[in-house]
Amino acid sequence: MQMKHRRWLIALALVIAAVAAVLLSGRVRRDLARQSARSVQDAVLRSAVQCYSVEGAYPSSVDYLEEHYGLMIDHKTYIVSYDAFSSNLLPQVEVLVQGDEGA
């Protein structure tokens, strides 16, 4: 009887470990997605500041930064919101990961 009890405890521990691993991997994946979105946001802002320092005005769009300043964004992965209110104010930039419901 004791051997059955021990097997049951081992099986239960393995199931709990598997569930914990699945939950943890989902969290890690979301954290990595947020970090990568933040890296894209930082790159957009750096390019905008570089444009401002060279041209004296912030660009009106991300497209301009991609065409003239070498900014590269994977638009299949990221949604970039770029709000350039005025040419002399730093644009508001928000980057989301496509299909990231948990963010």
PDB file of N, CA and C in Angstrom:
ATOM      1  N   MET A   1       0.825  -1.197   0.000  1.00  0.00           N
ATOM      2  CA  MET A   1       0.000   0.000   0.000  1.00  0.00           C
ATOM      3  C   MET A   1       0.867   1.259   0.000  1.00  0.00           C
ATOM      4  N   GLN A   2       1.957   1.243   0.716  1.00  0.00           N
ATOM      5  CA  GLN A   2       2.827   2.396   0.814  1.00  0.00           C
ATOM      6  C   GLN A   2       3.449   2.729  -0.553  1.00  0.00           C
ATOM      7  N   MET A   3       3.748   1.742  -1.371  1.00  0.00           N
ATOM      8  CA  MET A   3       4.316   1.952  -2.694  1.00  0.00           C
ATOM      9  C   MET A   3       3.301   2.674  -3.598  1.00  0.00           C
ATOM     10  N   LYS A   4       2.022   2.307  -3.495  1.00  0.00           N
ATOM     11  CA  LYS A   4       0.977   2.980  -4.273  1.00  0.00           C
ATOM     12  C   LYS A   4       0.880   4.445  -3.888  1.00  0.00           C
ATOM     13  N   HIS A   5       0.943   4.699  -2.606  1.00  0.00           N
ATOM     14  CA  HIS A   5       0.853   6.065  -2.094  1.00  0.00           C
ATOM     15  C   HIS A   5       2.033   6.902  -2.599  1.00  0.00           C
ATOM     16  N   ARG A   6       3.203   6.304  -2.593  1.00  0.00           N
ATOM     17  CA  ARG A   6       4.401   7.000  -3.061  1.00  0.00           C
ATOM     18  C   ARG A   6       4.300   7.317  -4.559  1.00  0.00           C
ATOM     19  N   ARG A   7       3.824   6.390  -5.365  1.00  0.00           N
ATOM     20  CA  ARG A   7       3.645   6.617  -6.810  1.00  0.00           C
ATOM     21  C   ARG A   7       2.640   7.728  -7.065  1.00  0.00           C
ATOM     22  N   TRP A   8       1.575   7.720  -6.259  1.00  0.00           N
ATOM     23  CA  TRP A   8       0.549   8.752  -6.417  1.00  0.00           C
ATOM     24  C   TRP A   8       1.126  10.132  -6.101  1.00  0.00           C
ATOM     25  N   LEU A   9       1.927  10.235  -5.063  1.00  0.00           N
ATOM     26  CA  LEU A   9       2.558  11.504  -4.702  1.00  0.00           C
ATOM     27  C   LEU A   9       3.540  11.967  -5.779  1.00  0.00           C
ATOM     28  N   ILE A  10       4.287  11.043  -6.337  1.00  0.00           N
ATOM     29  CA  ILE A  10       5.228  11.389  -7.414  1.00  0.00           C
ATOM     30  C   ILE A  10       4.460  11.885  -8.639  1.00  0.00           C
ATOM     31  N   ALA A  11       3.378  11.194  -8.999  1.00  0.00           N
ATOM     32  CA  ALA A  11       2.565  11.616 -10.135  1.00  0.00           C
ATOM     33  C   ALA A  11       1.971  12.993  -9.900  1.00  0.00           C
ATOM     34  N   LEU A  12       1.464  13.237  -8.705  1.00  0.00           N
ATOM     35  CA  LEU A  12       0.895  14.538  -8.364  1.00  0.00           C
ATOM     36  C   LEU A  12       1.956  15.624  -8.441  1.00  0.00           C
ATOM     37  N   ALA A  13       3.146  15.350  -7.936  1.00  0.00           N
ATOM     38  CA  ALA A  13       4.238  16.325  -7.995  1.00  0.00           C
ATOM     39  C   ALA A  13       4.620  16.640  -9.439  1.00  0.00           C
ATOM     40  N   LEU A  14       4.638  15.626 -10.298  1.00  0.00           N
ATOM     41  CA  LEU A  14       4.956  15.849 -11.712  1.00  0.00           C
ATOM     42  C   LEU A  14       3.886  16.694 -12.397  1.00  0.00           C
ATOM     43  N   VAL A  15       2.623  16.455 -12.084  1.00  0.00           N
ATOM     44  CA  VAL A  15       1.539  17.255 -12.669  1.00  0.00           C
ATOM     45  C   VAL A  15       1.639  18.702 -12.198  1.00  0.00           C
ATOM     46  N   ILE A  16       1.886  18.910 -10.924  1.00  0.00           N
ATOM     47  CA  ILE A  16       2.027  20.269 -10.400  1.00  0.00           C
ATOM     48  C   ILE A  16       3.218  20.969 -11.044  1.00  0.00           C
ATOM     49  N   ALA A  17       4.317  20.272 -11.201  1.00  0.00           N
ATOM     50  CA  ALA A  17       5.505  20.854 -11.839  1.00  0.00           C
ATOM     51  C   ALA A  17       5.220  21.221 -13.290  1.00  0.00           C
ATOM     52  N   ALA A  18       4.482  20.374 -13.999  1.00  0.00           N
ATOM     53  CA  ALA A  18       4.158  20.651 -15.398  1.00  0.00           C
ATOM     54  C   ALA A  18       3.259  21.876 -15.509  1.00  0.00           C
ATOM     55  N   VAL A  19       2.262  21.971 -14.652  1.00  0.00           N
ATOM     56  CA  VAL A  19       1.362  23.137 -14.665  1.00  0.00           C
ATOM     57  C   VAL A  19       2.146  24.404 -14.351  1.00  0.00           C
ATOM     58  N   ALA A  20       3.010  24.335 -13.358  1.00  0.00           N
ATOM     59  CA  ALA A  20       3.825  25.498 -12.998  1.00  0.00           C
ATOM     60  C   ALA A  20       4.726  25.912 -14.159  1.00  0.00           C
ATOM     61  N   ALA A  21       5.295  24.945 -14.859  1.00  0.00           N
ATOM     62  CA  ALA A  21       6.167  25.250 -16.002  1.00  0.00           C
ATOM     63  C   ALA A  21       5.388  25.935 -17.119  1.00  0.00           C
ATOM     64  N   VAL A  22       4.188  25.477 -17.384  1.00  0.00           N
ATOM     65  CA  VAL A  22       3.355  26.087 -18.430  1.00  0.00           C
ATOM     66  C   VAL A  22       3.003  27.523 -18.054  1.00  0.00           C
ATOM     67  N   LEU A  23       2.592  27.730 -16.804  1.00  0.00           N
ATOM     68  CA  LEU A  23       2.248  29.079 -16.358  1.00  0.00           C
ATOM     69  C   LEU A  23       3.453  30.004 -16.393  1.00  0.00           C
ATOM     70  N   LEU A  24       4.587  29.513 -15.957  1.00  0.00           N
ATOM     71  CA  LEU A  24       5.806  30.314 -15.943  1.00  0.00           C
ATOM     72  C   LEU A  24       6.256  30.655 -17.361  1.00  0.00           C
ATOM     73  N   SER A  25       6.150  29.704 -18.290  1.00  0.00           N
ATOM     74  CA  SER A  25       6.592  29.976 -19.663  1.00  0.00           C
ATOM     75  C   SER A  25       5.721  31.038 -20.310  1.00  0.00           C
ATOM     76  N   GLY A  26       4.432  31.045 -20.001  1.00  0.00           N
ATOM     77  CA  GLY A  26       3.547  32.090 -20.528  1.00  0.00           C
ATOM     78  C   GLY A  26       3.932  33.455 -19.993  1.00  0.00           C
ATOM     79  N   ARG A  27       4.263  33.513 -18.720  1.00  0.00           N
ATOM     80  CA  ARG A  27       4.672  34.786 -18.124  1.00  0.00           C
ATOM     81  C   ARG A  27       5.993  35.259 -18.713  1.00  0.00           C
ATOM     82  N   VAL A  28       6.936  34.353 -18.866  1.00  0.00           N
ATOM     83  CA  VAL A  28       8.232  34.704 -19.446  1.00  0.00           C
ATOM     84  C   VAL A  28       8.039  35.219 -20.873  1.00  0.00           C
ATOM     85  N   ARG A  29       7.196  34.555 -21.632  1.00  0.00           N
ATOM     86  CA  ARG A  29       6.927  34.972 -23.016  1.00  0.00           C
ATOM     87  C   ARG A  29       6.338  36.387 -23.047  1.00  0.00           C
ATOM     88  N   ARG A  30       5.382  36.684 -22.158  1.00  0.00           N
ATOM     89  CA  ARG A  30       4.790  38.029 -22.104  1.00  0.00           C
ATOM     90  C   ARG A  30       5.825  39.072 -21.693  1.00  0.00           C
ATOM     91  N   ASP A  31       6.674  38.723 -20.714  1.00  0.00           N
ATOM     92  CA  ASP A  31       7.716  39.652 -20.279  1.00  0.00           C
ATOM     93  C   ASP A  31       8.705  39.953 -21.399  1.00  0.00           C
ATOM     94  N   LEU A  32       9.092  38.936 -22.148  1.00  0.00           N
ATOM     95  CA  LEU A  32       9.999  39.145 -23.284  1.00  0.00           C
ATOM     96  C   LEU A  32       9.348  40.003 -24.362  1.00  0.00           C
ATOM     97  N   ALA A  33       8.062  39.788 -24.602  1.00  0.00           N
ATOM     98  CA  ALA A  33       7.345  40.592 -25.594  1.00  0.00           C
ATOM     99  C   ALA A  33       7.308  42.058 -25.164  1.00  0.00           C
ATOM    100  N   ARG A  34       7.071  42.302 -23.884  1.00  0.00           N
ATOM    101  CA  ARG A  34       7.057  43.683 -23.385  1.00  0.00           C
ATOM    102  C   ARG A  34       8.434  44.324 -23.505  1.00  0.00           C
ATOM    103  N   GLN A  35       9.471  43.560 -23.192  1.00  0.00           N
ATOM    104  CA  GLN A  35      10.834  44.087 -23.295  1.00  0.00           C
ATOM    105  C   GLN A  35      11.193  44.406 -24.738  1.00  0.00           C
ATOM    106  N   SER A  36      10.802  43.540 -25.656  1.00  0.00           N
ATOM    107  CA  SER A  36      11.121  43.803 -27.060  1.00  0.00           C
ATOM    108  C   SER A  36      10.335  45.008 -27.577  1.00  0.00           C
ATOM    109  N   ALA A  37       9.095  45.165 -27.140  1.00  0.00           N
ATOM    110  CA  ALA A  37       8.312  46.339 -27.532  1.00  0.00           C
ATOM    111  C   ALA A  37       8.963  47.607 -26.991  1.00  0.00           C
ATOM    112  N   ARG A  38       9.473  47.541 -25.774  1.00  0.00           N
ATOM    113  CA  ARG A  38      10.159  48.698 -25.183  1.00  0.00           C
ATOM    114  C   ARG A  38      11.424  49.034 -25.972  1.00  0.00           C
ATOM    115  N   SER A  39      12.137  48.019 -26.452  1.00  0.00           N
ATOM    116  CA  SER A  39      13.337  48.250 -27.261  1.00  0.00           C
ATOM    117  C   SER A  39      12.982  48.941 -28.570  1.00  0.00           C
ATOM    118  N   VAL A  40      11.881  48.529 -29.186  1.00  0.00           N
ATOM    119  CA  VAL A  40      11.435  49.176 -30.428  1.00  0.00           C
ATOM    120  C   VAL A  40      11.050  50.631 -30.141  1.00  0.00           C
ATOM    121  N   GLN A  41      10.333  50.854 -29.041  1.00  0.00           N
ATOM    122  CA  GLN A  41       9.943  52.215 -28.664  1.00  0.00           C
ATOM    123  C   GLN A  41      11.182  53.095 -28.466  1.00  0.00           C
ATOM    124  N   ASP A  42      12.174  52.569 -27.772  1.00  0.00           N
ATOM    125  CA  ASP A  42      13.419  53.319 -27.558  1.00  0.00           C
ATOM    126  C   ASP A  42      14.115  53.636 -28.875  1.00  0.00           C
ATOM    127  N   ALA A  43      14.119  52.684 -29.806  1.00  0.00           N
ATOM    128  CA  ALA A  43      14.757  52.906 -31.109  1.00  0.00           C
ATOM    129  C   ALA A  43      14.029  53.998 -31.895  1.00  0.00           C
ATOM    130  N   VAL A  44      12.699  53.993 -31.837  1.00  0.00           N
ATOM    131  CA  VAL A  44      11.917  55.029 -32.532  1.00  0.00           C
ATOM    132  C   VAL A  44      12.238  56.400 -31.940  1.00  0.00           C
ATOM    133  N   LEU A  45      12.256  56.491 -30.624  1.00  0.00           N
ATOM    134  CA  LEU A  45      12.541  57.774 -29.981  1.00  0.00           C
ATOM    135  C   LEU A  45      13.969  58.246 -30.255  1.00  0.00           C
ATOM    136  N   ARG A  46      14.929  57.323 -30.239  1.00  0.00           N
ATOM    137  CA  ARG A  46      16.315  57.706 -30.557  1.00  0.00           C
ATOM    138  C   ARG A  46      16.415  58.249 -31.980  1.00  0.00           C
ATOM    139  N   SER A  47      15.722  57.593 -32.911  1.00  0.00           N
ATOM    140  CA  SER A  47      15.739  58.053 -34.298  1.00  0.00           C
ATOM    141  C   SER A  47      15.081  59.420 -34.429  1.00  0.00           C
ATOM    142  N   ALA A  48      13.993  59.630 -33.701  1.00  0.00           N
ATOM    143  CA  ALA A  48      13.306  60.930 -33.739  1.00  0.00           C
ATOM    144  C   ALA A  48      14.209  62.033 -33.193  1.00  0.00           C
ATOM    145  N   VAL A  49      14.927  61.753 -32.105  1.00  0.00           N
ATOM    146  CA  VAL A  49      15.845  62.740 -31.526  1.00  0.00           C
ATOM    147  C   VAL A  49      17.000  62.999 -32.486  1.00  0.00           C
ATOM    148  N   GLN A  50      17.493  61.964 -33.128  1.00  0.00           N
ATOM    149  CA  GLN A  50      18.562  62.149 -34.109  1.00  0.00           C
ATOM    150  C   GLN A  50      18.073  63.041 -35.255  1.00  0.00           C
ATOM    151  N   CYS A  51      16.870  62.800 -35.732  1.00  0.00           N
ATOM    152  CA  CYS A  51      16.289  63.621 -36.791  1.00  0.00           C
ATOM    153  C   CYS A  51      16.185  65.070 -36.324  1.00  0.00           C
ATOM    154  N   TYR A  52      15.725  65.267 -35.103  1.00  0.00           N
ATOM    155  CA  TYR A  52      15.593  66.626 -34.564  1.00  0.00           C
ATOM    156  C   TYR A  52      16.944  67.331 -34.507  1.00  0.00           C
ATOM    157  N   SER A  53      17.975  66.590 -34.094  1.00  0.00           N
ATOM    158  CA  SER A  53      19.293  67.213 -33.974  1.00  0.00           C
ATOM    159  C   SER A  53      19.883  67.547 -35.346  1.00  0.00           C
ATOM    160  N   VAL A  54      19.545  66.769 -36.359  1.00  0.00           N
ATOM    161  CA  VAL A  54      20.074  67.012 -37.706  1.00  0.00           C
ATOM    162  C   VAL A  54      19.237  68.049 -38.458  1.00  0.00           C
ATOM    163  N   GLU A  55      17.913  67.929 -38.372  1.00  0.00           N
ATOM    164  CA  GLU A  55      17.023  68.753 -39.194  1.00  0.00           C
ATOM    165  C   GLU A  55      16.340  69.893 -38.442  1.00  0.00           C
ATOM    166  N   GLY A  56      16.411  69.862 -37.109  1.00  0.00           N
ATOM    167  CA  GLY A  56      15.786  70.930 -36.337  1.00  0.00           C
ATOM    168  C   GLY A  56      14.289  70.744 -36.119  1.00  0.00           C
ATOM    169  N   ALA A  57      13.769  69.572 -36.459  1.00  0.00           N
ATOM    170  CA  ALA A  57      12.342  69.294 -36.269  1.00  0.00           C
ATOM    171  C   ALA A  57      12.158  67.793 -36.126  1.00  0.00           C
ATOM    172  N   TYR A  58      11.179  67.431 -35.311  1.00  0.00           N
ATOM    173  CA  TYR A  58      10.840  66.006 -35.202  1.00  0.00           C
ATOM    174  C   TYR A  58      10.060  65.589 -36.433  1.00  0.00           C
ATOM    175  N   PRO A  59      10.253  64.379 -36.911  1.00  0.00           N
ATOM    176  CA  PRO A  59       9.535  63.937 -38.112  1.00  0.00           C
ATOM    177  C   PRO A  59       8.054  63.727 -37.820  1.00  0.00           C
ATOM    178  N   SER A  60       7.267  63.793 -38.860  1.00  0.00           N
ATOM    179  CA  SER A  60       5.819  63.659 -38.703  1.00  0.00           C
ATOM    180  C   SER A  60       5.357  62.212 -38.680  1.00  0.00           C
ATOM    181  N   SER A  61       6.253  61.279 -39.052  1.00  0.00           N
ATOM    182  CA  SER A  61       5.830  59.877 -39.101  1.00  0.00           C
ATOM    183  C   SER A  61       7.000  58.930 -38.900  1.00  0.00           C
ATOM    184  N   VAL A  62       6.661  57.717 -38.541  1.00  0.00           N
ATOM    185  CA  VAL A  62       7.662  56.650 -38.428  1.00  0.00           C
ATOM    186  C   VAL A  62       8.207  56.318 -39.811  1.00  0.00           C
ATOM    187  N   ASP A  63       7.358  56.405 -40.823  1.00  0.00           N
ATOM    188  CA  ASP A  63       7.802  56.128 -42.197  1.00  0.00           C
ATOM    189  C   ASP A  63       9.006  56.991 -42.575  1.00  0.00           C
ATOM    190  N   TYR A  64       8.972  58.261 -42.178  1.00  0.00           N
ATOM    191  CA  TYR A  64      10.082  59.168 -42.476  1.00  0.00           C
ATOM    192  C   TYR A  64      11.368  58.670 -41.824  1.00  0.00           C
ATOM    193  N   LEU A  65      11.251  58.206 -40.585  1.00  0.00           N
ATOM    194  CA  LEU A  65      12.423  57.684 -39.884  1.00  0.00           C
ATOM    195  C   LEU A  65      12.954  56.419 -40.558  1.00  0.00           C
ATOM    196  N   GLU A  66      12.047  55.585 -41.031  1.00  0.00           N
ATOM    197  CA  GLU A  66      12.463  54.362 -41.723  1.00  0.00           C
ATOM    198  C   GLU A  66      13.137  54.693 -43.045  1.00  0.00           C
ATOM    199  N   GLU A  67      12.626  55.674 -43.745  1.00  0.00           N
ATOM    200  CA  GLU A  67      13.181  56.035 -45.064  1.00  0.00           C
ATOM    201  C   GLU A  67      14.502  56.793 -44.968  1.00  0.00           C
ATOM    202  N   HIS A  68      14.629  57.698 -43.988  1.00  0.00           N
ATOM    203  CA  HIS A  68      15.777  58.596 -43.946  1.00  0.00           C
ATOM    204  C   HIS A  68      16.786  58.343 -42.834  1.00  0.00           C
ATOM    205  N   TYR A  69      16.419  57.572 -41.821  1.00  0.00           N
ATOM    206  CA  TYR A  69      17.312  57.390 -40.679  1.00  0.00           C
ATOM    207  C   TYR A  69      17.619  55.924 -40.374  1.00  0.00           C
ATOM    208  N   GLY A  70      17.243  55.040 -41.260  1.00  0.00           N
ATOM    209  CA  GLY A  70      17.618  53.636 -41.116  1.00  0.00           C
ATOM    210  C   GLY A  70      16.870  52.864 -40.040  1.00  0.00           C
ATOM    211  N   LEU A  71      15.799  53.442 -39.522  1.00  0.00           N
ATOM    212  CA  LEU A  71      15.008  52.732 -38.521  1.00  0.00           C
ATOM    213  C   LEU A  71      14.350  51.528 -39.185  1.00  0.00           C
ATOM    214  N   MET A  72      14.436  50.372 -38.537  1.00  0.00           N
ATOM    215  CA  MET A  72      13.808  49.162 -39.077  1.00  0.00           C
ATOM    216  C   MET A  72      12.858  48.594 -38.025  1.00  0.00           C
ATOM    217  N   ILE A  73      11.597  48.433 -38.426  1.00  0.00           N
ATOM    218  CA  ILE A  73      10.568  47.899 -37.537  1.00  0.00           C
ATOM    219  C   ILE A  73       9.900  46.731 -38.232  1.00  0.00           C
ATOM    220  N   ASP A  74       9.732  45.652 -37.516  1.00  0.00           N
ATOM    221  CA  ASP A  74       8.995  44.498 -38.030  1.00  0.00           C
ATOM    222  C   ASP A  74       7.506  44.762 -37.794  1.00  0.00           C
ATOM    223  N   HIS A  75       6.844  45.292 -38.822  1.00  0.00           N
ATOM    224  CA  HIS A  75       5.440  45.686 -38.684  1.00  0.00           C
ATOM    225  C   HIS A  75       4.498  44.478 -38.599  1.00  0.00           C
ATOM    226  N   LYS A  76       5.002  43.302 -38.884  1.00  0.00           N
ATOM    227  CA  LYS A  76       4.192  42.090 -38.690  1.00  0.00           C
ATOM    228  C   LYS A  76       4.155  41.701 -37.214  1.00  0.00           C
ATOM    229  N   THR A  77       5.146  42.158 -36.457  1.00  0.00           N
ATOM    230  CA  THR A  77       5.237  41.829 -35.036  1.00  0.00           C
ATOM    231  C   THR A  77       4.759  42.969 -34.143  1.00  0.00           C
ATOM    232  N   TYR A  78       5.032  44.217 -34.551  1.00  0.00           N
ATOM    233  CA  TYR A  78       4.756  45.369 -33.694  1.00  0.00           C
ATOM    234  C   TYR A  78       3.760  46.332 -34.314  1.00  0.00           C
ATOM    235  N   ILE A  79       2.945  46.912 -33.458  1.00  0.00           N
ATOM    236  CA  ILE A  79       2.059  48.011 -33.838  1.00  0.00           C
ATOM    237  C   ILE A  79       2.662  49.258 -33.203  1.00  0.00           C
ATOM    238  N   VAL A  80       3.004  50.238 -34.030  1.00  0.00           N
ATOM    239  CA  VAL A  80       3.645  51.447 -33.530  1.00  0.00           C
ATOM    240  C   VAL A  80       2.677  52.614 -33.664  1.00  0.00           C
ATOM    241  N   SER A  81       2.386  53.233 -32.529  1.00  0.00           N
ATOM    242  CA  SER A  81       1.582  54.455 -32.509  1.00  0.00           C
ATOM    243  C   SER A  81       2.548  55.619 -32.347  1.00  0.00           C
ATOM    244  N   TYR A  82       2.565  56.508 -33.321  1.00  0.00           N
ATOM    245  CA  TYR A  82       3.503  57.633 -33.326  1.00  0.00           C
ATOM    246  C   TYR A  82       2.689  58.906 -33.459  1.00  0.00           C
ATOM    247  N   ASP A  83       2.619  59.693 -32.389  1.00  0.00           N
ATOM    248  CA  ASP A  83       1.812  60.903 -32.375  1.00  0.00           C
ATOM    249  C   ASP A  83       2.728  62.115 -32.303  1.00  0.00           C
ATOM    250  N   ALA A  84       2.921  62.751 -33.466  1.00  0.00           N
ATOM    251  CA  ALA A  84       3.763  63.942 -33.552  1.00  0.00           C
ATOM    252  C   ALA A  84       2.852  65.159 -33.505  1.00  0.00           C
ATOM    253  N   PHE A  85       2.679  65.699 -32.314  1.00  0.00           N
ATOM    254  CA  PHE A  85       1.779  66.831 -32.116  1.00  0.00           C
ATOM    255  C   PHE A  85       2.326  68.099 -32.753  1.00  0.00           C
ATOM    256  N   SER A  86       3.629  68.302 -32.616  1.00  0.00           N
ATOM    257  CA  SER A  86       4.272  69.500 -33.143  1.00  0.00           C
ATOM    258  C   SER A  86       5.704  69.144 -33.531  1.00  0.00           C
ATOM    259  N   SER A  87       6.246  69.864 -34.499  1.00  0.00           N
ATOM    260  CA  SER A  87       7.593  69.539 -34.971  1.00  0.00           C
ATOM    261  C   SER A  87       8.680  69.878 -33.952  1.00  0.00           C
ATOM    262  N   ASN A  88       8.316  70.644 -32.901  1.00  0.00           N
ATOM    263  CA  ASN A  88       9.325  70.980 -31.895  1.00  0.00           C
ATOM    264  C   ASN A  88       9.087  70.280 -30.551  1.00  0.00           C
ATOM    265  N   LEU A  89       8.134  69.337 -30.505  1.00  0.00           N
ATOM    266  CA  LEU A  89       7.876  68.552 -29.294  1.00  0.00           C
ATOM    267  C   LEU A  89       8.130  67.076 -29.571  1.00  0.00           C
ATOM    268  N   LEU A  90       8.779  66.417 -28.610  1.00  0.00           N
ATOM    269  CA  LEU A  90       9.065  64.995 -28.761  1.00  0.00           C
ATOM    270  C   LEU A  90       7.760  64.226 -28.967  1.00  0.00           C
ATOM    271  N   PRO A  91       7.687  63.416 -30.005  1.00  0.00           N
ATOM    272  CA  PRO A  91       6.453  62.651 -30.276  1.00  0.00           C
ATOM    273  C   PRO A  91       6.158  61.644 -29.169  1.00  0.00           C
ATOM    274  N   GLN A  92       4.893  61.322 -29.023  1.00  0.00           N
ATOM    275  CA  GLN A  92       4.468  60.257 -28.120  1.00  0.00           C
ATOM    276  C   GLN A  92       4.525  58.951 -28.911  1.00  0.00           C
ATOM    277  N   VAL A  93       5.229  57.973 -28.380  1.00  0.00           N
ATOM    278  CA  VAL A  93       5.397  56.700 -29.081  1.00  0.00           C
ATOM    279  C   VAL A  93       4.933  55.580 -28.167  1.00  0.00           C
ATOM    280  N   GLU A  94       4.087  54.713 -28.719  1.00  0.00           N
ATOM    281  CA  GLU A  94       3.662  53.514 -27.998  1.00  0.00           C
ATOM    282  C   GLU A  94       3.814  52.336 -28.945  1.00  0.00           C
ATOM    283  N   VAL A  95       4.358  51.240 -28.437  1.00  0.00           N
ATOM    284  CA  VAL A  95       4.576  50.057 -29.255  1.00  0.00           C
ATOM    285  C   VAL A  95       3.887  48.880 -28.585  1.00  0.00           C
ATOM    286  N   LEU A  96       3.089  48.173 -29.355  1.00  0.00           N
ATOM    287  CA  LEU A  96       2.408  46.972 -28.882  1.00  0.00           C
ATOM    288  C   LEU A  96       2.841  45.781 -29.717  1.00  0.00           C
ATOM    289  N   VAL A  97       2.785  44.613 -29.133  1.00  0.00           N
ATOM    290  CA  VAL A  97       3.117  43.397 -29.855  1.00  0.00           C
ATOM    291  C   VAL A  97       1.815  42.855 -30.451  1.00  0.00           C
ATOM    292  N   GLN A  98       1.840  42.559 -31.744  1.00  0.00           N
ATOM    293  CA  GLN A  98       0.662  42.010 -32.417  1.00  0.00           C
ATOM    294  C   GLN A  98       0.196  40.753 -31.696  1.00  0.00           C
ATOM    295  N   GLY A  99      -1.082  40.668 -31.392  1.00  0.00           N
ATOM    296  CA  GLY A  99      -1.651  39.468 -30.804  1.00  0.00           C
ATOM    297  C   GLY A  99      -1.300  39.232 -29.353  1.00  0.00           C
ATOM    298  N   ASP A 100      -0.775  40.237 -28.658  1.00  0.00           N
ATOM    299  CA  ASP A 100      -0.417  40.067 -27.245  1.00  0.00           C
ATOM    300  C   ASP A 100      -1.595  40.503 -26.393  1.00  0.00           C
ATOM    301  N   GLU A 101      -2.476  39.540 -26.060  1.00  0.00           N
ATOM    302  CA  GLU A 101      -3.676  39.863 -25.299  1.00  0.00           C
ATOM    303  C   GLU A 101      -3.357  40.119 -23.842  1.00  0.00           C
ATOM    304  N   GLY A 102      -2.255  39.579 -23.345  1.00  0.00           N
ATOM    305  CA  GLY A 102      -1.948  39.671 -21.927  1.00  0.00           C
ATOM    306  C   GLY A 102      -1.184  40.920 -21.522  1.00  0.00           C
ATOM    307  N   ALA A 103      -0.895  41.807 -22.437  1.00  0.00           N
ATOM    308  CA  ALA A 103      -0.068  42.980 -22.117  1.00  0.00           C
ATOM    309  C   ALA A 103      -0.808  44.046 -21.380  1.00  0.00           C
TER     310      ALA A 103
END
